[in-house]
PDB file of N, CA and C in Angstrom:
ATOM      1  N   MET A   1      -2.213  50.691   1.856  1.00  0.00           N
ATOM      2  CA  MET A   1      -1.234  50.094   2.714  1.00  0.00           C
ATOM      3  C   MET A   1      -2.045  49.259   2.947  1.00  0.00           C
ATOM      4  N   LYS A   2      -3.153  48.883   3.126  1.00  0.00           N
ATOM      5  CA  LYS A   2      -4.794  47.905   3.114  1.00  0.00           C
ATOM      6  C   LYS A   2      -4.125  47.392   2.117  1.00  0.00           C
ATOM      7  N   VAL A   3      -4.408  47.827   0.808  1.00  0.00           N
ATOM      8  CA  VAL A   3      -5.030  46.656  -0.340  1.00  0.00           C
ATOM      9  C   VAL A   3      -3.095  46.185  -0.602  1.00  0.00           C
ATOM     10  N   CYS A   4      -2.604  46.678   0.086  1.00  0.00           N
ATOM     11  CA  CYS A   4      -0.716  45.617  -0.419  1.00  0.00           C
ATOM     12  C   CYS A   4      -1.726  44.396   0.532  1.00  0.00           C
ATOM     13  N   VAL A   5      -1.542  44.780   1.702  1.00  0.00           N
ATOM     14  CA  VAL A   5      -1.818  43.875   2.841  1.00  0.00           C
ATOM     15  C   VAL A   5      -2.700  43.012   2.028  1.00  0.00           C
ATOM     16  N   ALA A   6      -4.090  43.289   2.472  1.00  0.00           N
ATOM     17  CA  ALA A   6      -4.955  42.352   1.238  1.00  0.00           C
ATOM     18  C   ALA A   6      -4.387  41.717  -0.099  1.00  0.00           C
ATOM     19  N   ALA A   7      -3.566  41.923  -0.557  1.00  0.00           N
ATOM     20  CA  ALA A   7      -3.170  41.348  -1.823  1.00  0.00           C
ATOM     21  C   ALA A   7      -2.221  40.823  -1.792  1.00  0.00           C
ATOM     22  N   PHE A   8      -1.631  41.135  -0.342  1.00  0.00           N
ATOM     23  CA  PHE A   8      -0.335  39.463  -0.393  1.00  0.00           C
ATOM     24  C   PHE A   8      -1.383  38.416   0.163  1.00  0.00           C
ATOM     25  N   ALA A   9      -2.390  38.478   1.463  1.00  0.00           N
ATOM     26  CA  ALA A   9      -3.548  37.761   1.900  1.00  0.00           C
ATOM     27  C   ALA A   9      -3.483  36.598   0.661  1.00  0.00           C
ATOM     28  N   VAL A  10      -4.871  37.084  -0.296  1.00  0.00           N
ATOM     29  CA  VAL A  10      -5.017  36.913  -1.099  1.00  0.00           C
ATOM     30  C   VAL A  10      -3.735  35.630  -1.434  1.00  0.00           C
ATOM     31  N   LEU A  11      -2.631  36.156  -2.372  1.00  0.00           N
ATOM     32  CA  LEU A  11      -1.614  35.648  -3.174  1.00  0.00           C
ATOM     33  C   LEU A  11      -1.221  34.622  -1.972  1.00  0.00           C
ATOM     34  N   LEU A  12      -1.257  34.682  -0.556  1.00  0.00           N
ATOM     35  CA  LEU A  12      -0.632  34.068  -0.468  1.00  0.00           C
ATOM     36  C   LEU A  12      -2.077  32.064  -0.420  1.00  0.00           C
ATOM     37  N   ILE A  13      -2.791  32.643   0.087  1.00  0.00           N
ATOM     38  CA  ILE A  13      -4.010  32.104  -0.149  1.00  0.00           C
ATOM     39  C   ILE A  13      -3.928  32.088  -1.168  1.00  0.00           C
ATOM     40  N   ALA A  14      -4.129  31.055  -1.837  1.00  0.00           N
ATOM     41  CA  ALA A  14      -3.735  31.016  -3.620  1.00  0.00           C
ATOM     42  C   ALA A  14      -2.715  30.045  -3.528  1.00  0.00           C
ATOM     43  N   ALA A  15      -1.474  30.278  -3.067  1.00  0.00           N
ATOM     44  CA  ALA A  15      -0.442  29.301  -3.329  1.00  0.00           C
ATOM     45  C   ALA A  15      -0.537  28.039  -2.317  1.00  0.00           C
ATOM     46  N   LEU A  16      -0.677  28.625  -0.768  1.00  0.00           N
ATOM     47  CA  LEU A  16      -1.611  27.505  -0.661  1.00  0.00           C
ATOM     48  C   LEU A  16      -1.910  26.885  -0.675  1.00  0.00           C
ATOM     49  N   CYS A  17      -3.464  26.775  -1.387  1.00  0.00           N
ATOM     50  CA  CYS A  17      -4.158  25.999  -1.503  1.00  0.00           C
ATOM     51  C   CYS A  17      -4.046  25.033  -2.747  1.00  0.00           C
ATOM     52  N   SER A  18      -2.497  25.913  -3.751  1.00  0.00           N
ATOM     53  CA  SER A  18      -2.686  25.019  -5.314  1.00  0.00           C
ATOM     54  C   SER A  18      -1.509  24.068  -4.695  1.00  0.00           C
ATOM     55  N   GLN A  19      -0.839  24.220  -4.212  1.00  0.00           N
ATOM     56  CA  GLN A  19       0.316  23.585  -3.273  1.00  0.00           C
ATOM     57  C   GLN A  19      -0.359  22.022  -2.419  1.00  0.00           C
ATOM     58  N   ALA A  20      -1.970  22.665  -1.971  1.00  0.00           N
ATOM     59  CA  ALA A  20      -2.495  21.571  -0.800  1.00  0.00           C
ATOM     60  C   ALA A  20      -3.603  20.211  -2.454  1.00  0.00           C
ATOM     61  N   HIS A  21      -3.799  21.358  -3.526  1.00  0.00           N
ATOM     62  CA  HIS A  21      -4.311  20.779  -4.900  1.00  0.00           C
ATOM     63  C   HIS A  21      -2.828  19.139  -4.651  1.00  0.00           C
ATOM     64  N   SER A  22      -1.891  19.685  -5.942  1.00  0.00           N
ATOM     65  CA  SER A  22      -0.684  19.348  -6.479  1.00  0.00           C
ATOM     66  C   SER A  22      -0.527  18.115  -5.149  1.00  0.00           C
ATOM     67  N   GLN A  23      -0.390  18.464  -4.031  1.00  0.00           N
ATOM     68  CA  GLN A  23      -0.401  17.286  -3.658  1.00  0.00           C
ATOM     69  C   GLN A  23      -0.830  16.241  -3.156  1.00  0.00           C
ATOM     70  N   LEU A  24      -2.734  16.097  -3.587  1.00  0.00           N
ATOM     71  CA  LEU A  24      -3.789  15.745  -3.679  1.00  0.00           C
ATOM     72  C   LEU A  24      -3.332  14.796  -5.034  1.00  0.00           C
ATOM     73  N   ASP A  25      -3.156  15.503  -5.619  1.00  0.00           N
ATOM     74  CA  ASP A  25      -2.935  14.657  -7.637  1.00  0.00           C
ATOM     75  C   ASP A  25      -1.864  13.900  -7.056  1.00  0.00           C
ATOM     76  N   GLY A  26      -0.733  14.044  -6.843  1.00  0.00           N
ATOM     77  CA  GLY A  26       0.398  12.797  -6.046  1.00  0.00           C
ATOM     78  C   GLY A  26       0.193  12.107  -5.061  1.00  0.00           C
ATOM     79  N   ILE A  27      -1.401  11.570  -4.911  1.00  0.00           N
ATOM     80  CA  ILE A  27      -1.662  10.625  -4.687  1.00  0.00           C
ATOM     81  C   ILE A  27      -2.522   9.619  -5.251  1.00  0.00           C
ATOM     82  N   ASN A  28      -2.790   9.674  -5.812  1.00  0.00           N
ATOM     83  CA  ASN A  28      -3.511   9.277  -7.145  1.00  0.00           C
ATOM     84  C   ASN A  28      -2.292   8.724  -8.304  1.00  0.00           C
ATOM     85  N   THR A  29      -1.359   9.552  -7.875  1.00  0.00           N
ATOM     86  CA  THR A  29      -0.559   8.857  -9.501  1.00  0.00           C
ATOM     87  C   THR A  29       0.064   7.198  -9.541  1.00  0.00           C
ATOM     88  N   PRO A  30       0.346   7.056 -10.191  1.00  0.00           N
ATOM     89  CA  PRO A  30       0.748   5.457  -9.835  1.00  0.00           C
ATOM     90  C   PRO A  30       2.859   5.450  -9.935  1.00  0.00           C
ATOM     91  N   THR A  31       2.883   4.935  -9.296  1.00  0.00           N
ATOM     92  CA  THR A  31       4.470   5.499  -9.124  1.00  0.00           C
ATOM     93  C   THR A  31       5.005   4.277  -9.754  1.00  0.00           C
ATOM     94  N   SER A  32       4.450   3.654 -10.642  1.00  0.00           N
ATOM     95  CA  SER A  32       6.076   2.949 -11.457  1.00  0.00           C
ATOM     96  C   SER A  32       4.895   2.142 -12.577  1.00  0.00           C
ATOM     97  N   CYS A  33       4.382   2.783 -13.916  1.00  0.00           N
ATOM     98  CA  CYS A  33       4.053   1.931 -14.886  1.00  0.00           C
ATOM     99  C   CYS A  33       5.560   0.727 -15.748  1.00  0.00           C
ATOM    100  N   CYS A  34       4.785   0.248 -16.789  1.00  0.00           N
ATOM    101  CA  CYS A  34       5.807  -0.619 -17.623  1.00  0.00           C
ATOM    102  C   CYS A  34       5.030  -0.013 -18.781  1.00  0.00           C
ATOM    103  N   PHE A  35       6.324  -0.455 -20.018  1.00  0.00           N
ATOM    104  CA  PHE A  35       5.485  -0.386 -20.913  1.00  0.00           C
ATOM    105  C   PHE A  35       6.460  -1.490 -22.030  1.00  0.00           C
ATOM    106  N   SER A  36       6.430  -2.279 -21.707  1.00  0.00           N
ATOM    107  CA  SER A  36       7.172  -2.986 -21.990  1.00  0.00           C
ATOM    108  C   SER A  36       7.293  -4.651 -20.855  1.00  0.00           C
ATOM    109  N   TYR A  37       7.608  -6.015 -21.523  1.00  0.00           N
ATOM    110  CA  TYR A  37       8.322  -7.283 -20.807  1.00  0.00           C
ATOM    111  C   TYR A  37       8.762  -7.801 -21.016  1.00  0.00           C
ATOM    112  N   VAL A  38       9.842  -7.934 -19.830  1.00  0.00           N
ATOM    113  CA  VAL A  38      11.679  -8.718 -20.444  1.00  0.00           C
ATOM    114  C   VAL A  38      11.298 -10.091 -21.002  1.00  0.00           C
ATOM    115  N   SER A  39      11.618 -10.282 -22.341  1.00  0.00           N
ATOM    116  CA  SER A  39      11.585 -11.406 -22.515  1.00  0.00           C
ATOM    117  C   SER A  39      12.190 -12.995 -22.774  1.00  0.00           C
ATOM    118  N   LYS A  40      12.647 -12.701 -21.647  1.00  0.00           N
ATOM    119  CA  LYS A  40      13.212 -13.922 -21.100  1.00  0.00           C
ATOM    120  C   LYS A  40      13.128 -14.269 -19.282  1.00  0.00           C
ATOM    121  N   PRO A  41      12.912 -14.923 -18.973  1.00  0.00           N
ATOM    122  CA  PRO A  41      12.336 -14.767 -17.057  1.00  0.00           C
ATOM    123  C   PRO A  41      13.537 -14.862 -16.688  1.00  0.00           C
ATOM    124  N   ILE A  42      14.353 -13.649 -15.757  1.00  0.00           N
ATOM    125  CA  ILE A  42      15.430 -13.222 -14.920  1.00  0.00           C
ATOM    126  C   ILE A  42      15.489 -14.744 -13.203  1.00  0.00           C
ATOM    127  N   PRO A  43      16.898 -15.066 -13.602  1.00  0.00           N
ATOM    128  CA  PRO A  43      17.232 -15.957 -12.339  1.00  0.00           C
ATOM    129  C   PRO A  43      16.151 -15.227 -11.338  1.00  0.00           C
ATOM    130  N   ARG A  44      15.631 -17.154 -10.889  1.00  0.00           N
ATOM    131  CA  ARG A  44      14.213 -16.972  -9.377  1.00  0.00           C
ATOM    132  C   ARG A  44      15.750 -15.853  -8.037  1.00  0.00           C
ATOM    133  N   SER A  45      16.359 -16.656  -8.257  1.00  0.00           N
ATOM    134  CA  SER A  45      17.691 -16.341  -7.209  1.00  0.00           C
ATOM    135  C   SER A  45      17.461 -15.257  -7.050  1.00  0.00           C
ATOM    136  N   LEU A  46      17.394 -14.320  -7.720  1.00  0.00           N
ATOM    137  CA  LEU A  46      18.283 -12.762  -7.623  1.00  0.00           C
ATOM    138  C   LEU A  46      16.760 -11.865  -7.673  1.00  0.00           C
ATOM    139  N   VAL A  47      15.651 -12.280  -7.395  1.00  0.00           N
ATOM    140  CA  VAL A  47      14.245 -12.074  -7.454  1.00  0.00           C
ATOM    141  C   VAL A  47      13.976 -11.383  -5.295  1.00  0.00           C
ATOM    142  N   VAL A  48      13.891 -10.487  -5.246  1.00  0.00           N
ATOM    143  CA  VAL A  48      13.894  -9.964  -3.494  1.00  0.00           C
ATOM    144  C   VAL A  48      12.422  -9.388  -3.148  1.00  0.00           C
ATOM    145  N   LYS A  49      11.938  -8.880  -3.617  1.00  0.00           N
ATOM    146  CA  LYS A  49       9.612  -8.130  -3.648  1.00  0.00           C
ATOM    147  C   LYS A  49       9.844  -8.010  -5.608  1.00  0.00           C
ATOM    148  N   TYR A  50       8.259  -8.102  -4.583  1.00  0.00           N
ATOM    149  CA  TYR A  50       7.813  -8.113  -7.034  1.00  0.00           C
ATOM    150  C   TYR A  50       6.546  -6.605  -6.049  1.00  0.00           C
ATOM    151  N   GLN A  51       5.661  -6.193  -6.750  1.00  0.00           N
ATOM    152  CA  GLN A  51       4.609  -5.889  -6.806  1.00  0.00           C
ATOM    153  C   GLN A  51       3.667  -5.139  -8.509  1.00  0.00           C
ATOM    154  N   HIS A  52       2.788  -5.554  -7.962  1.00  0.00           N
ATOM    155  CA  HIS A  52       1.658  -4.690  -8.982  1.00  0.00           C
ATOM    156  C   HIS A  52       1.543  -3.914  -9.557  1.00  0.00           C
ATOM    157  N   THR A  53       1.868  -3.410 -10.709  1.00  0.00           N
ATOM    158  CA  THR A  53       1.588  -2.014 -11.174  1.00  0.00           C
ATOM    159  C   THR A  53      -0.114  -1.496 -10.984  1.00  0.00           C
ATOM    160  N   SER A  54       0.021  -0.627 -10.979  1.00  0.00           N
ATOM    161  CA  SER A  54      -1.361   0.558 -11.310  1.00  0.00           C
ATOM    162  C   SER A  54      -2.064  -0.097 -11.852  1.00  0.00           C
ATOM    163  N   ILE A  55      -4.096  -0.356 -11.661  1.00  0.00           N
ATOM    164  CA  ILE A  55      -4.277  -0.309 -12.186  1.00  0.00           C
ATOM    165  C   ILE A  55      -4.955   0.748 -13.071  1.00  0.00           C
ATOM    166  N   LYS A  56      -3.976   2.379 -12.888  1.00  0.00           N
ATOM    167  CA  LYS A  56      -3.835   2.689 -13.897  1.00  0.00           C
ATOM    168  C   LYS A  56      -2.753   2.898 -14.794  1.00  0.00           C
ATOM    169  N   CYS A  57      -2.077   2.651 -14.093  1.00  0.00           N
ATOM    170  CA  CYS A  57      -0.860   1.898 -15.844  1.00  0.00           C
ATOM    171  C   CYS A  57      -1.852   1.099 -17.108  1.00  0.00           C
ATOM    172  N   SER A  58      -0.617   1.879 -18.141  1.00  0.00           N
ATOM    173  CA  SER A  58      -1.539   1.363 -19.384  1.00  0.00           C
ATOM    174  C   SER A  58      -1.761  -0.477 -20.077  1.00  0.00           C
ATOM    175  N   LEU A  59      -0.168  -1.162 -18.558  1.00  0.00           N
ATOM    176  CA  LEU A  59      -0.510  -2.226 -19.799  1.00  0.00           C
ATOM    177  C   LEU A  59      -0.145  -3.648 -17.891  1.00  0.00           C
ATOM    178  N   PRO A  60      -0.741  -3.519 -17.801  1.00  0.00           N
ATOM    179  CA  PRO A  60      -0.348  -4.450 -16.274  1.00  0.00           C
ATOM    180  C   PRO A  60       0.275  -5.292 -16.395  1.00  0.00           C
ATOM    181  N   ALA A  61       1.459  -4.998 -15.558  1.00  0.00           N
ATOM    182  CA  ALA A  61       2.466  -6.430 -15.762  1.00  0.00           C
ATOM    183  C   ALA A  61       2.437  -6.591 -13.045  1.00  0.00           C
ATOM    184  N   VAL A  62       3.924  -7.203 -13.723  1.00  0.00           N
ATOM    185  CA  VAL A  62       4.791  -7.564 -12.012  1.00  0.00           C
ATOM    186  C   VAL A  62       5.918  -6.750 -12.345  1.00  0.00           C
ATOM    187  N   ILE A  63       6.146  -5.956 -10.578  1.00  0.00           N
ATOM    188  CA  ILE A  63       8.059  -4.947 -12.041  1.00  0.00           C
ATOM    189  C   ILE A  63       7.794  -6.142 -10.396  1.00  0.00           C
ATOM    190  N   PHE A  64       8.841  -6.853 -10.297  1.00  0.00           N
ATOM    191  CA  PHE A  64      10.756  -7.939  -9.531  1.00  0.00           C
ATOM    192  C   PHE A  64      11.511  -7.142  -9.655  1.00  0.00           C
ATOM    193  N   THR A  65      11.611  -6.562  -8.455  1.00  0.00           N
ATOM    194  CA  THR A  65      12.926  -5.902  -7.503  1.00  0.00           C
ATOM    195  C   THR A  65      13.999  -6.723  -7.175  1.00  0.00           C
ATOM    196  N   THR A  66      15.211  -6.998  -8.087  1.00  0.00           N
ATOM    197  CA  THR A  66      16.212  -7.799  -7.997  1.00  0.00           C
ATOM    198  C   THR A  66      16.982  -7.931  -5.913  1.00  0.00           C
ATOM    199  N   LYS A  67      18.252  -8.681  -5.624  1.00  0.00           N
ATOM    200  CA  LYS A  67      19.201  -8.236  -4.904  1.00  0.00           C
ATOM    201  C   LYS A  67      19.610  -6.640  -5.196  1.00  0.00           C
ATOM    202  N   LYS A  68      19.789  -6.159  -6.342  1.00  0.00           N
ATOM    203  CA  LYS A  68      20.814  -4.887  -6.350  1.00  0.00           C
ATOM    204  C   LYS A  68      19.979  -3.199  -6.454  1.00  0.00           C
ATOM    205  N   GLY A  69      18.877  -4.119  -6.147  1.00  0.00           N
ATOM    206  CA  GLY A  69      17.509  -2.511  -7.316  1.00  0.00           C
ATOM    207  C   GLY A  69      17.383  -2.556  -8.364  1.00  0.00           C
ATOM    208  N   ARG A  70      17.192  -3.841  -9.103  1.00  0.00           N
ATOM    209  CA  ARG A  70      16.996  -3.253 -10.190  1.00  0.00           C
ATOM    210  C   ARG A  70      15.488  -3.730 -10.359  1.00  0.00           C
ATOM    211  N   GLU A  71      14.767  -2.763 -11.032  1.00  0.00           N
ATOM    212  CA  GLU A  71      13.482  -3.321 -11.417  1.00  0.00           C
ATOM    213  C   GLU A  71      13.462  -3.953 -12.130  1.00  0.00           C
ATOM    214  N   VAL A  72      11.889  -5.071 -12.912  1.00  0.00           N
ATOM    215  CA  VAL A  72      12.413  -6.137 -14.170  1.00  0.00           C
ATOM    216  C   VAL A  72      11.450  -6.003 -14.206  1.00  0.00           C
ATOM    217  N   CYS A  73       9.970  -5.318 -15.069  1.00  0.00           N
ATOM    218  CA  CYS A  73       8.433  -5.742 -16.262  1.00  0.00           C
ATOM    219  C   CYS A  73       8.701  -6.660 -16.463  1.00  0.00           C
ATOM    220  N   SER A  74       7.416  -7.638 -15.689  1.00  0.00           N
ATOM    221  CA  SER A  74       6.806  -9.330 -16.437  1.00  0.00           C
ATOM    222  C   SER A  74       5.535  -9.295 -16.992  1.00  0.00           C
ATOM    223  N   ASP A  75       5.146 -10.140 -17.293  1.00  0.00           N
ATOM    224  CA  ASP A  75       4.322 -10.057 -17.818  1.00  0.00           C
ATOM    225  C   ASP A  75       3.761 -11.106 -16.592  1.00  0.00           C
ATOM    226  N   PRO A  76       1.992 -10.657 -16.036  1.00  0.00           N
ATOM    227  CA  PRO A  76       2.001 -11.505 -15.522  1.00  0.00           C
ATOM    228  C   PRO A  76       0.848 -12.512 -15.733  1.00  0.00           C
ATOM    229  N   ASN A  77       0.888 -12.490 -16.157  1.00  0.00           N
ATOM    230  CA  ASN A  77       0.216 -13.727 -16.891  1.00  0.00           C
ATOM    231  C   ASN A  77       0.771 -14.822 -17.601  1.00  0.00           C
ATOM    232  N   THR A  78       2.337 -14.936 -17.403  1.00  0.00           N
ATOM    233  CA  THR A  78       2.872 -16.023 -17.824  1.00  0.00           C
ATOM    234  C   THR A  78       2.967 -16.995 -16.628  1.00  0.00           C
ATOM    235  N   ARG A  79       3.630 -18.201 -16.612  1.00  0.00           N
ATOM    236  CA  ARG A  79       3.337 -18.985 -15.333  1.00  0.00           C
ATOM    237  C   ARG A  79       5.029 -18.458 -14.684  1.00  0.00           C
ATOM    238  N   TRP A  80       5.942 -18.282 -15.539  1.00  0.00           N
ATOM    239  CA  TRP A  80       7.328 -17.872 -14.732  1.00  0.00           C
ATOM    240  C   TRP A  80       7.235 -16.967 -13.857  1.00  0.00           C
ATOM    241  N   VAL A  81       6.608 -16.388 -13.672  1.00  0.00           N
ATOM    242  CA  VAL A  81       5.921 -14.907 -13.113  1.00  0.00           C
ATOM    243  C   VAL A  81       4.864 -15.446 -12.072  1.00  0.00           C
ATOM    244  N   GLN A  82       4.312 -16.193 -12.602  1.00  0.00           N
ATOM    245  CA  GLN A  82       3.218 -16.205 -11.254  1.00  0.00           C
ATOM    246  C   GLN A  82       4.027 -17.009 -10.291  1.00  0.00           C
ATOM    247  N   GLU A  83       5.010 -18.374 -10.873  1.00  0.00           N
ATOM    248  CA  GLU A  83       5.263 -18.678  -9.814  1.00  0.00           C
ATOM    249  C   GLU A  83       6.739 -18.339  -9.459  1.00  0.00           C
ATOM    250  N   TYR A  84       7.002 -17.389  -9.751  1.00  0.00           N
ATOM    251  CA  TYR A  84       8.249 -16.115  -8.766  1.00  0.00           C
ATOM    252  C   TYR A  84       7.898 -15.685  -7.378  1.00  0.00           C
ATOM    253  N   ILE A  85       5.792 -15.480  -8.222  1.00  0.00           N
ATOM    254  CA  ILE A  85       4.746 -14.356  -6.601  1.00  0.00           C
ATOM    255  C   ILE A  85       4.710 -15.284  -5.664  1.00  0.00           C
ATOM    256  N   LYS A  86       4.927 -17.010  -6.256  1.00  0.00           N
ATOM    257  CA  LYS A  86       4.377 -18.001  -5.119  1.00  0.00           C
ATOM    258  C   LYS A  86       6.097 -17.868  -3.859  1.00  0.00           C
ATOM    259  N   HIS A  87       6.572 -17.343  -5.141  1.00  0.00           N
ATOM    260  CA  HIS A  87       8.233 -18.222  -3.705  1.00  0.00           C
ATOM    261  C   HIS A  87       8.555 -17.069  -3.477  1.00  0.00           C
ATOM    262  N   VAL A  88       8.182 -16.151  -3.486  1.00  0.00           N
ATOM    263  CA  VAL A  88       8.650 -14.721  -2.738  1.00  0.00           C
ATOM    264  C   VAL A  88       7.449 -14.302  -1.524  1.00  0.00           C
ATOM    265  N   LYS A  89       5.890 -14.675  -1.965  1.00  0.00           N
ATOM    266  CA  LYS A  89       5.775 -15.229  -0.420  1.00  0.00           C
ATOM    267  C   LYS A  89       5.587 -15.518   0.356  1.00  0.00           C
ATOM    268  N   GLN A  90       6.287 -16.845   0.159  1.00  0.00           N
ATOM    269  CA  GLN A  90       6.670 -18.582   0.488  1.00  0.00           C
ATOM    270  C   GLN A  90       7.869 -17.896   1.586  1.00  0.00           C
ATOM    271  N   ASN A  91       8.485 -16.818   1.511  1.00  0.00           N
ATOM    272  CA  ASN A  91       9.622 -16.807   2.044  1.00  0.00           C
ATOM    273  C   ASN A  91      10.416 -14.873   2.663  1.00  0.00           C
TER     274      ASN A  91
END
């Protein structure tokens, strides 16, 4: 009986430790990465917010979110993207 209780305790501790470890890994995982950019500017009036992708992503990008919730990946070095960022910051 003592062996069963001890085995159960070991399994319970192992399960709790592995769950805590997986939650810590989730903290460092980037939420959104882009693999390509849009080829043309989207209408500025549709953009409601933006975010930069994580430095852990292979392609640096700005993700614009539209009024309908669509996310659009764009090149942060293009002029129109920089202008849109300024516009969103001002509003």
